[in-house]
Amino acid sequence: MPTAISMFAGAGGMDVGVVNAGFTVIAASELDPHASNTYRHNHPDTTLIEGDINDEKNFEKLVAYEDIDLVVGGPPCQGFSVAGKMDKDDPRSQLVFSYCSVVERVKPKAFIMENVKALGSLAKFEDVREEIFKRMNKAGYNVTMNILNAKEFGVPQSRERVFFIGTKIEFPAVEMAAFNKYRADAISLREAIIHLGRAGTTTNPNLTKAKITLAANPILRKSPYAGMLFNGQGRPLNPDAWSSTLPASMGGNRTPIIDEDHLYDGKESWVEEHHHNLIAGNLDPEYKQAPPRLRRLTIDEAAILQTFPENYSFLGPQSKVFSQIGNAVPCKLAEVVARVVLDSIDKCTTANECSKLENLELDLTI
């Protein structure tokens, strides 16, 4: 079975997908103690290196592994995220190059580096992208950059991320067309979570206690599920569509909002009616508590929307658990990316066979 090393493993969302794709993750690294506890609990057979990867001892432990097929990881994205300061000089932004250093030492057949879409799309980060390509090309890899949306691969969440994917030059490069056979329509939020039941019940026990108050000065958009109808950045979710991107800052007033009566009882959406009345001028906005039928997304629901297995256990206080879930790569999306990479490196069982195949193709074209 092909082997993998995981960097910046977090709670293990990427690794669940990589394992489901057919790899064995033999070692992982993670700095956060709460995420480390969660990872260790769910991946007992993986050696976890806990601490700063730039610490020489931790770095040397990770790069000591030989004959590795894949290195995966999502370096912290706060320096590149539109939700942060978007500062390429943020120390956390330099961790993409720590990732590169591990790949240069381990020399796997392939690597997958995940990050926020902004790193792959904004001009201000062009020099960062160029440095990643330059270093990985020099290390002997074909590198492609692929911006993928999780909802196009069966995940009930709109979540765009960039994946830098490298394969050794003797293997085929991974192009965007390689993902087409794995595309699948996203199920709706209703289909994904309705089986859990109402928040606070035995099957959905983890209530999120942050209050919901109506905004005195709402920001209205065409869709009732956009704009800001409530105080804080937690937006309502449409049960009959996929979820918007789940942030790592969930747990307080940035946690998305569910209309339980709409979801479970088939009643008309309170959010849609309220939005309509505000747009039509039939209602004056005021600061007050929202009706009790509205509540925040729970931990269990958020984990499902990130396609974690339902028996996956998260350790730590609620705020830290929400952070672990929000920071994760959706497991199903990670599985697709890992399968595409495995398809590439499986085309040739050895580097020599790949070279022979390339030479044969060259001869045929002469």
Protein backbone atom coordinates (compact mmCIF):
# COMPACT_ATOMS: atom_id res chain seq x y z
CA MET A 1 0.00 0.00 0.00
CA PRO A 2 1.38 3.48 -0.87
CA THR A 3 2.63 5.53 2.05
CA ALA A 4 2.13 9.17 3.01
CA ILE A 5 3.41 11.78 5.45
CA SER A 6 1.08 14.53 6.64
CA MET A 7 2.16 18.05 7.64
CA PHE A 8 0.03 20.59 9.51
CA ALA A 9 -2.36 17.70 10.02
CA GLY A 10 -4.83 19.52 12.29
CA ALA A 11 -7.69 17.28 13.37
CA GLY A 12 -6.99 14.95 10.46
CA GLY A 13 -9.54 15.86 7.79
CA MET A 14 -7.02 15.66 4.95
CA ASP A 15 -5.69 12.40 6.31
CA VAL A 16 -9.11 10.74 6.43
CA GLY A 17 -9.45 11.42 2.72
CA VAL A 18 -5.92 10.29 1.93
CA VAL A 19 -6.48 7.00 3.77
CA ASN A 20 -9.82 6.49 2.01
CA ALA A 21 -8.02 6.99 -1.30
CA GLY A 22 -5.72 4.06 -0.51
CA PHE A 23 -2.66 5.52 1.25
CA THR A 24 -1.26 4.65 4.66
CA VAL A 25 -0.31 7.76 6.63
CA ILE A 26 2.70 6.63 8.62
CA ALA A 27 3.67 9.96 10.21
CA ALA A 28 2.11 13.37 10.79
CA SER A 29 3.04 16.70 12.36
CA GLU A 30 0.86 19.22 14.19
CA LEU A 31 1.52 22.18 16.49
CA ASP A 32 -1.84 22.81 18.19
CA PRO A 33 -2.28 20.64 21.32
CA HIS A 34 -6.06 20.29 21.00
CA ALA A 35 -5.87 19.28 17.35
CA SER A 36 -3.03 16.93 18.24
CA ASN A 37 -5.19 15.20 20.85
CA THR A 38 -7.99 14.78 18.33
CA TYR A 39 -5.60 13.47 15.69
CA ARG A 40 -3.92 11.01 18.04
CA HIS A 41 -7.29 9.69 19.23
CA ASN A 42 -8.58 9.03 15.71
CA HIS A 43 -5.31 7.93 14.08
CA PRO A 44 -3.63 5.74 16.72
CA ASP A 45 -1.46 3.91 14.20
CA THR A 46 0.15 7.09 12.83
CA THR A 47 3.26 8.48 14.50
CA LEU A 48 2.42 12.06 15.50
CA ILE A 49 5.22 14.61 15.81
CA GLU A 50 3.78 17.35 17.98
CA GLY A 51 5.33 20.82 17.92
CA ASP A 52 6.80 23.42 15.60
CA ILE A 53 7.96 21.85 12.34
CA ASN A 54 10.71 24.48 12.14
CA ASP A 55 12.21 23.09 15.32
CA GLU A 56 15.22 21.13 14.08
CA LYS A 57 14.41 18.02 16.11
CA ASN A 58 10.84 17.87 14.81
CA PHE A 59 11.96 18.55 11.24
CA GLU A 60 14.58 15.79 11.34
CA LYS A 61 12.07 13.31 12.78
CA LEU A 62 9.69 13.93 9.90
CA VAL A 63 12.22 13.83 7.09
CA ALA A 64 13.83 10.62 8.41
CA TYR A 65 11.23 8.48 6.62
CA GLU A 66 12.30 6.88 3.34
CA ASP A 67 10.52 5.61 0.23
CA ILE A 68 7.47 7.81 0.81
CA ASP A 69 4.93 8.04 -1.98
CA LEU A 70 3.10 11.21 -0.93
CA VAL A 71 3.54 14.26 1.29
CA VAL A 72 0.32 16.15 2.06
CA GLY A 73 -0.53 19.20 4.13
CA GLY A 74 -2.24 22.54 4.40
CA PRO A 75 0.15 25.13 5.87
CA PRO A 76 -1.63 27.72 8.07
CA CYS A 77 -3.47 30.14 5.81
CA GLN A 78 -4.11 33.20 8.02
CA GLY A 79 -1.52 35.23 6.13
CA PHE A 80 -3.26 34.56 2.81
CA SER A 81 -6.92 34.41 3.85
CA VAL A 82 -9.44 37.14 2.99
CA ALA A 83 -10.70 36.61 6.54
CA GLY A 84 -7.31 37.73 7.85
CA LYS A 85 -4.83 40.52 7.11
CA MET A 86 -3.63 38.94 3.83
CA ASP A 87 -0.03 39.66 4.75
CA LYS A 88 2.53 37.57 2.87
CA ASP A 89 5.12 38.62 5.46
CA ASP A 90 3.06 37.10 8.28
CA PRO A 91 5.34 34.43 9.82
CA ARG A 92 2.61 31.86 9.21
CA SER A 93 2.79 32.63 5.49
CA GLN A 94 6.36 31.35 5.46
CA LEU A 95 5.22 27.88 6.45
CA VAL A 96 4.48 27.06 2.81
CA PHE A 97 8.24 27.08 2.38
CA SER A 98 8.72 24.87 5.44
CA TYR A 99 6.47 22.45 3.59
CA CYS A 100 8.70 22.75 0.52
CA SER A 101 11.75 21.98 2.66
CA VAL A 102 10.23 18.70 3.82
CA VAL A 103 9.38 17.69 0.27
CA GLU A 104 12.94 18.51 -0.83
CA ARG A 105 14.35 16.21 1.87
CA VAL A 106 11.83 13.35 1.72
CA LYS A 107 11.64 13.27 -2.09
CA PRO A 108 8.23 11.57 -2.33
CA LYS A 109 6.75 10.50 -5.65
CA ALA A 110 4.15 13.25 -5.26
CA PHE A 111 2.96 16.02 -2.97
CA ILE A 112 -0.29 17.87 -2.28
CA MET A 113 -0.20 21.33 -0.68
CA GLU A 114 -3.60 22.85 0.17
CA ASN A 115 -4.38 26.48 1.00
CA VAL A 116 -7.01 29.20 0.68
CA LYS A 117 -8.09 30.25 -2.80
CA ALA A 118 -6.49 33.69 -2.40
CA LEU A 119 -2.99 32.19 -2.47
CA GLY A 120 -3.75 30.78 -5.90
CA SER A 121 -5.67 33.70 -7.37
CA LEU A 122 -4.53 37.10 -6.08
CA ALA A 123 -1.79 39.07 -7.80
CA LYS A 124 -0.30 40.16 -4.46
CA PHE A 125 0.75 36.55 -3.81
CA GLU A 126 2.22 35.94 -7.26
CA ASP A 127 5.80 35.96 -5.97
CA VAL A 128 4.88 33.35 -3.33
CA ARG A 129 3.38 31.12 -6.03
CA GLU A 130 6.41 31.60 -8.25
CA GLU A 131 8.77 30.62 -5.42
CA ILE A 132 6.77 27.45 -4.73
CA PHE A 133 6.92 26.48 -8.42
CA LYS A 134 10.62 27.38 -8.69
CA ARG A 135 11.68 25.32 -5.67
CA MET A 136 9.55 22.31 -6.51
CA ASN A 137 10.56 22.32 -10.18
CA LYS A 138 14.21 22.45 -9.11
CA ALA A 139 13.55 19.51 -6.77
CA GLY A 140 12.39 17.47 -9.75
CA TYR A 141 8.62 17.85 -9.78
CA ASN A 142 5.98 18.70 -12.35
CA VAL A 143 3.79 21.19 -10.46
CA THR A 144 0.24 22.29 -11.25
CA MET A 145 -2.05 24.63 -9.37
CA ASN A 146 -5.72 23.63 -9.16
CA ILE A 147 -8.51 25.69 -7.60
CA LEU A 148 -11.31 23.31 -6.59
CA ASN A 149 -14.72 23.86 -5.01
CA ALA A 150 -15.76 21.13 -2.59
CA LYS A 151 -19.42 21.35 -3.66
CA GLU A 152 -18.43 20.00 -7.10
CA PHE A 153 -17.23 16.76 -5.54
CA GLY A 154 -20.20 15.74 -3.43
CA VAL A 155 -19.45 17.88 -0.37
CA PRO A 156 -22.53 19.76 0.95
CA GLN A 157 -20.55 22.98 1.27
CA SER A 158 -19.28 25.66 -1.09
CA ARG A 159 -15.59 25.81 -0.20
CA GLU A 160 -12.95 26.90 -2.70
CA ARG A 161 -9.35 25.93 -2.06
CA VAL A 162 -6.12 25.86 -4.03
CA PHE A 163 -4.10 22.67 -4.36
CA PHE A 164 -0.49 22.77 -5.49
CA ILE A 165 0.13 19.25 -6.77
CA GLY A 166 3.53 17.93 -7.71
CA THR A 167 4.57 14.64 -9.27
CA LYS A 168 8.13 13.57 -9.98
CA ILE A 169 9.07 14.31 -13.55
CA GLU A 170 8.91 10.63 -14.54
CA PHE A 171 5.20 10.59 -13.66
CA PRO A 172 2.37 12.39 -15.49
CA ALA A 173 1.54 15.87 -14.22
CA VAL A 174 -1.88 16.29 -12.61
CA GLU A 175 -4.01 18.59 -14.77
CA MET A 176 -7.49 19.92 -14.00
CA ALA A 177 -9.10 17.51 -16.47
CA ALA A 178 -8.02 14.61 -14.25
CA PHE A 179 -10.64 15.63 -11.68
CA ASN A 180 -13.58 15.37 -14.06
CA LYS A 181 -14.34 11.71 -13.46
CA TYR A 182 -14.67 12.37 -9.73
CA ARG A 183 -17.11 15.26 -9.97
CA ALA A 184 -20.42 14.75 -8.16
CA ASP A 185 -23.35 16.99 -7.29
CA ALA A 186 -23.47 18.20 -3.69
CA ILE A 187 -26.38 17.06 -1.58
CA SER A 188 -28.35 19.75 0.23
CA LEU A 189 -27.80 20.73 3.83
CA ARG A 190 -31.22 19.21 4.57
CA GLU A 191 -30.19 15.84 3.16
CA ALA A 192 -26.87 15.98 4.99
CA ILE A 193 -27.94 16.76 8.56
CA ILE A 194 -31.69 16.20 9.01
CA HIS A 195 -31.14 12.70 10.39
CA LEU A 196 -29.42 14.17 13.46
CA GLY A 197 -32.63 15.79 14.65
CA ARG A 198 -33.09 19.03 16.55
CA ALA A 199 -30.23 20.55 18.48
CA GLY A 200 -30.13 19.44 22.09
CA THR A 201 -31.58 15.99 21.47
CA THR A 202 -29.69 12.76 22.18
CA THR A 203 -28.63 12.43 18.53
CA ASN A 204 -27.56 16.09 18.23
CA PRO A 205 -26.58 17.05 21.78
CA ASN A 206 -23.92 19.71 21.34
CA LEU A 207 -25.77 23.00 21.55
CA THR A 208 -24.00 26.18 20.48
CA LYS A 209 -25.05 28.75 23.06
CA ALA A 210 -24.13 31.99 21.25
CA LYS A 211 -27.23 34.19 21.10
CA ILE A 212 -28.73 35.38 17.83
CA THR A 213 -29.82 39.01 17.60
CA LEU A 214 -31.30 40.89 14.68
CA ALA A 215 -29.23 43.68 13.20
CA ALA A 216 -30.53 47.23 13.70
CA ASN A 217 -28.74 48.18 10.47
CA PRO A 218 -28.91 45.07 8.30
CA ILE A 219 -26.92 44.77 5.10
CA LEU A 220 -29.38 43.48 2.53
CA ARG A 221 -28.50 41.47 -0.53
CA LYS A 222 -30.65 39.87 -3.22
CA SER A 223 -30.49 36.53 -1.42
CA PRO A 224 -31.80 36.26 2.16
CA TYR A 225 -28.85 33.96 2.81
CA ALA A 226 -26.30 36.64 1.97
CA GLY A 227 -25.80 40.10 3.45
CA MET A 228 -26.06 40.53 7.21
CA LEU A 229 -29.50 40.19 8.78
CA PHE A 230 -28.03 39.33 12.17
CA ASN A 231 -25.33 40.77 14.39
CA GLY A 232 -22.00 39.07 13.93
CA GLN A 233 -20.80 37.26 10.84
CA GLY A 234 -22.84 34.08 11.23
CA ARG A 235 -25.14 33.87 8.24
CA PRO A 236 -28.30 31.78 7.93
CA LEU A 237 -28.04 28.56 5.92
CA ASN A 238 -30.56 27.50 3.30
CA PRO A 239 -31.60 23.90 4.06
CA ASP A 240 -32.34 23.27 0.41
CA ALA A 241 -28.90 24.27 -0.86
CA TRP A 242 -25.36 23.50 0.16
CA SER A 243 -23.76 25.28 3.08
CA SER A 244 -21.61 28.35 2.68
CA THR A 245 -17.95 28.01 3.70
CA LEU A 246 -17.58 27.08 7.36
CA PRO A 247 -15.04 29.36 9.08
CA ALA A 248 -12.52 28.33 11.72
CA SER A 249 -13.92 31.16 13.85
CA MET A 250 -17.18 29.30 14.56
CA GLY A 251 -18.37 28.88 18.12
CA GLY A 252 -19.59 32.44 18.80
CA ASN A 253 -21.52 34.88 16.66
CA ARG A 254 -19.71 33.76 13.52
CA THR A 255 -21.41 30.37 13.69
CA PRO A 256 -23.94 29.80 10.87
CA ILE A 257 -27.65 29.85 11.69
CA ILE A 258 -30.34 27.19 11.20
CA ASP A 259 -34.14 27.69 11.12
CA GLU A 260 -35.27 24.52 12.88
CA ASP A 261 -38.97 24.89 12.00
CA HIS A 262 -38.08 25.27 8.34
CA LEU A 263 -35.68 22.32 8.47
CA TYR A 264 -37.69 19.85 10.53
CA ASP A 265 -41.37 20.88 10.37
CA GLY A 266 -41.66 22.01 6.78
CA LYS A 267 -42.72 25.53 7.76
CA GLU A 268 -42.00 28.53 5.56
CA SER A 269 -38.59 30.03 6.10
CA TRP A 270 -38.57 32.76 8.75
CA VAL A 271 -35.36 34.13 7.27
CA GLU A 272 -36.84 34.46 3.79
CA GLU A 273 -40.01 36.12 5.08
CA HIS A 274 -38.03 38.55 7.26
CA HIS A 275 -35.75 39.41 4.36
CA HIS A 276 -38.75 39.98 2.06
CA ASN A 277 -40.42 42.32 4.55
CA LEU A 278 -37.22 44.33 5.00
CA ILE A 279 -36.70 44.64 1.25
CA ALA A 280 -40.33 45.63 0.68
CA GLY A 281 -40.28 48.21 3.46
CA ASN A 282 -42.97 46.39 5.39
CA LEU A 283 -40.79 46.15 8.46
CA ASP A 284 -38.45 48.49 10.27
CA PRO A 285 -35.23 46.79 11.37
CA GLU A 286 -34.54 46.75 15.10
CA TYR A 287 -32.06 45.27 17.48
CA LYS A 288 -33.71 42.40 19.35
CA GLN A 289 -33.30 38.70 19.99
CA ALA A 290 -34.22 36.42 17.11
CA PRO A 291 -37.14 33.99 17.50
CA PRO A 292 -36.24 30.73 19.26
CA ARG A 293 -36.77 28.69 16.11
CA LEU A 294 -33.40 30.07 14.96
CA ARG A 295 -30.26 28.57 16.47
CA ARG A 296 -26.58 28.09 15.69
CA LEU A 297 -25.06 25.16 13.82
CA THR A 298 -23.87 22.40 16.14
CA ILE A 299 -20.46 20.69 16.21
CA ASP A 300 -21.93 17.45 14.86
CA GLU A 301 -23.60 19.24 11.96
CA ALA A 302 -20.44 21.18 11.11
CA ALA A 303 -18.42 17.96 11.08
CA ILE A 304 -20.89 16.38 8.65
CA LEU A 305 -20.70 19.41 6.36
CA GLN A 306 -16.93 18.87 6.31
CA THR A 307 -17.64 15.18 5.50
CA PHE A 308 -15.89 13.80 8.57
CA PRO A 309 -17.05 10.26 9.46
CA GLU A 310 -19.89 10.45 11.97
CA ASN A 311 -17.93 8.34 14.46
CA TYR A 312 -15.01 10.79 14.41
CA SER A 313 -14.27 12.17 17.88
CA PHE A 314 -13.13 15.75 18.50
CA LEU A 315 -11.32 16.59 21.74
CA GLY A 316 -11.09 19.95 23.51
CA PRO A 317 -13.44 22.79 24.50
CA GLN A 318 -16.21 23.68 22.06
CA SER A 319 -14.44 26.73 20.63
CA LYS A 320 -11.33 24.65 19.88
CA VAL A 321 -13.41 21.87 18.33
CA PHE A 322 -15.14 24.33 16.03
CA SER A 323 -11.72 25.68 15.07
CA GLN A 324 -10.48 22.16 14.27
CA ILE A 325 -13.51 21.50 12.08
CA GLY A 326 -13.39 24.87 10.32
CA ASN A 327 -9.68 24.55 9.59
CA ALA A 328 -10.00 21.10 8.06
CA VAL A 329 -9.93 20.09 4.43
CA PRO A 330 -13.28 18.38 3.69
CA CYS A 331 -12.49 14.69 3.88
CA LYS A 332 -14.31 13.86 0.65
CA LEU A 333 -12.47 16.58 -1.28
CA ALA A 334 -9.12 15.39 0.10
CA GLU A 335 -9.99 11.87 -1.00
CA VAL A 336 -10.66 13.03 -4.56
CA VAL A 337 -7.35 14.92 -4.76
CA ALA A 338 -5.45 11.95 -3.35
CA ARG A 339 -7.15 9.56 -5.80
CA VAL A 340 -6.18 11.78 -8.72
CA VAL A 341 -2.57 11.78 -7.55
CA LEU A 342 -2.62 8.02 -7.04
CA ASP A 343 -3.99 7.62 -10.57
CA SER A 344 -0.94 9.52 -11.82
CA ILE A 345 1.74 7.61 -9.93
CA ASP A 346 0.00 4.27 -10.56
CA LYS A 347 0.36 4.72 -14.32
CA CYS A 348 3.94 3.51 -13.95
CA THR A 349 4.97 1.06 -11.26
CA THR A 350 8.58 2.16 -11.42
CA ALA A 351 10.49 5.20 -12.59
CA ASN A 352 12.28 3.06 -15.19
CA GLU A 353 9.01 1.90 -16.71
CA CYS A 354 7.83 5.49 -16.87
CA SER A 355 11.03 6.49 -18.63
CA LYS A 356 10.64 3.61 -21.09
CA LEU A 357 7.05 4.68 -21.78
CA GLU A 358 8.12 8.27 -22.38
CA ASN A 359 10.90 7.14 -24.73
CA LEU A 360 8.47 4.91 -26.64
CA GLU A 361 6.04 7.78 -27.07
CA LEU A 362 8.90 9.99 -28.26
CA ASP A 363 9.97 7.35 -30.83
CA LEU A 364 6.43 7.10 -32.16
CA THR A 365 6.26 10.83 -32.80
CA ILE A 366 9.57 11.00 -34.71
